[in-house]
Amino acid sequence: MSRTCELTGKKANNGYAVSHSHRRTKKLQQVNLQEKRVWWPQGKRFVTLRLSTKAIKTLEKKGIDAMAKAAGIDLNKM
């Protein structure tokens, strides 16, 4: 399973680690993913998702139905 957020689609970013002598080596900046159990009121059950911490904050504001619809996810299959 790839390290991507299921609702926002965030994934790793390529970057450089720059030393004091300004020598650059490639590094991968991973997403801060968390396994989160979210209550889905219309399905009357919990749904477990792999979410980035930014998506968890947005989820509290918008709600799970609006975010799942925008991401094109069917929560019945989860």
N, C-alpha and C. Protein backbone atom coordinates (compact mmCIF):
# COMPACT_ATOMS: atom_id res chain seq x y z
N MET A 1 0.84 -1.17 0.00
CA MET A 1 0.00 0.00 0.00
C MET A 1 0.89 1.24 0.00
N SER A 2 0.61 2.16 -0.91
CA SER A 2 1.42 3.36 -0.99
C SER A 2 1.06 4.32 0.13
N ARG A 3 2.00 5.17 0.46
CA ARG A 3 1.79 6.12 1.56
C ARG A 3 1.11 7.37 1.02
N THR A 4 -0.20 7.27 0.78
CA THR A 4 -0.98 8.42 0.34
C THR A 4 -2.20 8.57 1.23
N CYS A 5 -2.65 9.79 1.37
CA CYS A 5 -3.86 10.08 2.14
C CYS A 5 -5.06 9.65 1.30
N GLU A 6 -6.01 8.95 1.91
CA GLU A 6 -7.15 8.44 1.17
C GLU A 6 -8.15 9.52 0.78
N LEU A 7 -8.21 10.62 1.52
CA LEU A 7 -9.18 11.66 1.21
C LEU A 7 -8.59 12.80 0.38
N THR A 8 -7.37 13.22 0.69
CA THR A 8 -6.81 14.37 -0.02
C THR A 8 -5.85 13.96 -1.13
N GLY A 9 -5.34 12.74 -1.10
CA GLY A 9 -4.40 12.29 -2.13
C GLY A 9 -2.98 12.78 -1.92
N LYS A 10 -2.68 13.33 -0.74
CA LYS A 10 -1.32 13.80 -0.47
C LYS A 10 -0.37 12.61 -0.50
N LYS A 11 0.84 12.85 -1.06
CA LYS A 11 1.86 11.81 -1.11
C LYS A 11 3.23 12.43 -0.87
N ALA A 12 4.26 11.61 -0.93
CA ALA A 12 5.62 12.06 -0.61
C ALA A 12 6.10 13.12 -1.58
N ASN A 13 6.99 13.99 -1.08
CA ASN A 13 7.56 15.08 -1.86
C ASN A 13 9.06 14.85 -2.00
N ASN A 14 9.59 15.02 -3.21
CA ASN A 14 11.03 14.92 -3.42
C ASN A 14 11.69 16.23 -3.02
N GLY A 15 12.81 16.12 -2.34
CA GLY A 15 13.52 17.32 -1.92
C GLY A 15 14.99 17.01 -1.74
N TYR A 16 15.73 17.99 -1.25
CA TYR A 16 17.14 17.84 -1.00
C TYR A 16 17.44 18.08 0.47
N ALA A 17 18.35 17.29 1.00
CA ALA A 17 18.94 17.56 2.30
C ALA A 17 20.22 18.33 2.01
N VAL A 18 20.30 19.57 2.48
CA VAL A 18 21.45 20.43 2.17
C VAL A 18 22.35 20.50 3.40
N SER A 19 23.60 20.12 3.21
CA SER A 19 24.57 20.13 4.32
C SER A 19 25.14 21.53 4.51
N HIS A 20 26.00 21.67 5.51
CA HIS A 20 26.64 22.96 5.78
C HIS A 20 27.51 23.40 4.60
N SER A 21 28.14 22.43 3.93
CA SER A 21 28.97 22.77 2.76
C SER A 21 28.14 22.90 1.49
N HIS A 22 26.85 22.88 1.64
CA HIS A 22 25.86 23.03 0.57
C HIS A 22 25.88 21.87 -0.42
N ARG A 23 26.32 20.72 0.05
CA ARG A 23 26.26 19.51 -0.75
C ARG A 23 24.84 18.98 -0.64
N ARG A 24 24.21 18.68 -1.77
CA ARG A 24 22.80 18.27 -1.75
C ARG A 24 22.65 16.78 -2.01
N THR A 25 21.90 16.11 -1.15
CA THR A 25 21.56 14.70 -1.34
C THR A 25 20.04 14.60 -1.37
N LYS A 26 19.56 13.73 -2.25
CA LYS A 26 18.11 13.60 -2.40
C LYS A 26 17.49 12.94 -1.16
N LYS A 27 16.32 13.42 -0.80
CA LYS A 27 15.59 12.82 0.30
C LYS A 27 14.11 12.84 -0.03
N LEU A 28 13.36 12.02 0.64
CA LEU A 28 11.93 11.92 0.41
C LEU A 28 11.22 12.41 1.66
N GLN A 29 10.39 13.43 1.50
CA GLN A 29 9.63 13.96 2.62
C GLN A 29 8.28 13.26 2.64
N GLN A 30 8.10 12.37 3.61
CA GLN A 30 6.88 11.57 3.68
C GLN A 30 5.74 12.35 4.30
N VAL A 31 4.53 11.91 4.02
CA VAL A 31 3.32 12.50 4.57
C VAL A 31 3.12 11.96 5.98
N ASN A 32 2.60 12.79 6.87
CA ASN A 32 2.31 12.36 8.24
C ASN A 32 0.96 11.66 8.24
N LEU A 33 0.97 10.34 8.02
CA LEU A 33 -0.27 9.56 7.93
C LEU A 33 -0.62 8.93 9.26
N GLN A 34 -1.91 8.91 9.55
CA GLN A 34 -2.43 8.31 10.78
C GLN A 34 -3.60 7.40 10.42
N GLU A 35 -3.70 6.27 11.11
CA GLU A 35 -4.89 5.42 10.99
C GLU A 35 -5.96 6.04 11.88
N LYS A 36 -7.08 6.42 11.31
CA LYS A 36 -8.11 7.13 12.07
C LYS A 36 -9.45 6.44 11.90
N ARG A 37 -10.10 6.16 13.02
CA ARG A 37 -11.45 5.62 13.02
C ARG A 37 -12.41 6.79 13.09
N VAL A 38 -13.22 6.97 12.04
CA VAL A 38 -14.11 8.12 11.94
C VAL A 38 -15.55 7.62 11.96
N TRP A 39 -16.40 8.27 12.75
CA TRP A 39 -17.81 7.92 12.80
C TRP A 39 -18.50 8.46 11.55
N TRP A 40 -19.19 7.57 10.86
CA TRP A 40 -19.94 7.93 9.65
C TRP A 40 -21.42 7.89 10.00
N PRO A 41 -22.06 9.06 10.20
CA PRO A 41 -23.43 9.09 10.71
C PRO A 41 -24.46 8.47 9.78
N GLN A 42 -24.30 8.63 8.47
CA GLN A 42 -25.31 8.08 7.56
C GLN A 42 -25.22 6.56 7.45
N GLY A 43 -24.01 6.01 7.62
CA GLY A 43 -23.85 4.56 7.61
C GLY A 43 -24.02 3.96 9.00
N LYS A 44 -24.09 4.83 10.01
CA LYS A 44 -24.24 4.43 11.42
C LYS A 44 -23.17 3.42 11.85
N ARG A 45 -21.92 3.73 11.48
CA ARG A 45 -20.80 2.87 11.85
C ARG A 45 -19.50 3.65 11.75
N PHE A 46 -18.43 3.05 12.25
CA PHE A 46 -17.11 3.64 12.15
C PHE A 46 -16.45 3.19 10.85
N VAL A 47 -15.64 4.07 10.27
CA VAL A 47 -14.87 3.78 9.07
C VAL A 47 -13.41 4.07 9.39
N THR A 48 -12.52 3.12 9.08
CA THR A 48 -11.10 3.30 9.33
C THR A 48 -10.42 3.78 8.05
N LEU A 49 -9.73 4.92 8.15
CA LEU A 49 -9.08 5.53 7.00
C LEU A 49 -7.64 5.87 7.35
N ARG A 50 -6.76 5.90 6.32
CA ARG A 50 -5.38 6.39 6.48
C ARG A 50 -5.38 7.84 6.02
N LEU A 51 -5.29 8.75 6.97
CA LEU A 51 -5.42 10.17 6.68
C LEU A 51 -4.18 10.93 7.08
N SER A 52 -3.90 12.00 6.35
CA SER A 52 -2.85 12.92 6.77
C SER A 52 -3.41 13.78 7.90
N THR A 53 -2.54 14.37 8.69
CA THR A 53 -3.00 15.18 9.81
C THR A 53 -3.74 16.41 9.32
N LYS A 54 -3.37 16.94 8.18
CA LYS A 54 -4.08 18.07 7.58
C LYS A 54 -5.50 17.65 7.20
N ALA A 55 -5.67 16.44 6.70
CA ALA A 55 -7.00 15.95 6.33
C ALA A 55 -7.87 15.74 7.56
N ILE A 56 -7.27 15.36 8.69
CA ILE A 56 -8.04 15.17 9.92
C ILE A 56 -8.60 16.51 10.38
N LYS A 57 -7.79 17.58 10.29
CA LYS A 57 -8.27 18.90 10.67
C LYS A 57 -9.39 19.37 9.74
N THR A 58 -9.24 19.13 8.45
CA THR A 58 -10.25 19.53 7.48
C THR A 58 -11.52 18.71 7.66
N LEU A 59 -11.36 17.45 8.03
CA LEU A 59 -12.49 16.54 8.24
C LEU A 59 -13.38 17.04 9.37
N GLU A 60 -12.77 17.58 10.42
CA GLU A 60 -13.55 18.12 11.53
C GLU A 60 -14.36 19.34 11.11
N LYS A 61 -13.87 20.08 10.12
CA LYS A 61 -14.56 21.28 9.66
C LYS A 61 -15.64 20.96 8.64
N LYS A 62 -15.32 20.16 7.61
CA LYS A 62 -16.24 19.90 6.51
C LYS A 62 -17.17 18.72 6.74
N GLY A 63 -16.69 17.69 7.40
CA GLY A 63 -17.46 16.47 7.58
C GLY A 63 -17.01 15.38 6.63
N ILE A 64 -17.28 14.13 7.00
CA ILE A 64 -16.77 13.00 6.24
C ILE A 64 -17.51 12.83 4.91
N ASP A 65 -18.80 13.13 4.88
CA ASP A 65 -19.56 12.94 3.64
C ASP A 65 -19.09 13.89 2.54
N ALA A 66 -18.88 15.14 2.87
CA ALA A 66 -18.45 16.13 1.88
C ALA A 66 -17.05 15.81 1.35
N MET A 67 -16.14 15.40 2.23
CA MET A 67 -14.78 15.10 1.79
C MET A 67 -14.72 13.82 0.97
N ALA A 68 -15.50 12.82 1.34
CA ALA A 68 -15.51 11.56 0.59
C ALA A 68 -16.10 11.78 -0.80
N LYS A 69 -17.12 12.61 -0.87
CA LYS A 69 -17.74 12.91 -2.17
C LYS A 69 -16.76 13.65 -3.07
N ALA A 70 -16.02 14.61 -2.52
CA ALA A 70 -15.05 15.37 -3.29
C ALA A 70 -13.89 14.48 -3.76
N ALA A 71 -13.52 13.48 -2.94
CA ALA A 71 -12.42 12.58 -3.29
C ALA A 71 -12.89 11.44 -4.19
N GLY A 72 -14.21 11.27 -4.33
CA GLY A 72 -14.75 10.19 -5.15
C GLY A 72 -14.64 8.83 -4.49
N ILE A 73 -14.80 8.80 -3.16
CA ILE A 73 -14.68 7.55 -2.40
C ILE A 73 -16.08 7.09 -1.99
N ASP A 74 -16.33 5.78 -2.16
CA ASP A 74 -17.56 5.18 -1.70
C ASP A 74 -17.32 4.60 -0.31
N LEU A 75 -17.91 5.20 0.72
CA LEU A 75 -17.67 4.76 2.10
C LEU A 75 -18.32 3.42 2.40
N ASN A 76 -19.27 2.97 1.59
CA ASN A 76 -19.89 1.67 1.81
C ASN A 76 -18.88 0.53 1.63
N LYS A 77 -17.87 0.74 0.80
CA LYS A 77 -16.87 -0.30 0.53
C LYS A 77 -15.77 -0.35 1.56
N MET A 78 -15.73 0.61 2.47
CA MET A 78 -14.66 0.68 3.47
C MET A 78 -15.08 0.03 4.75
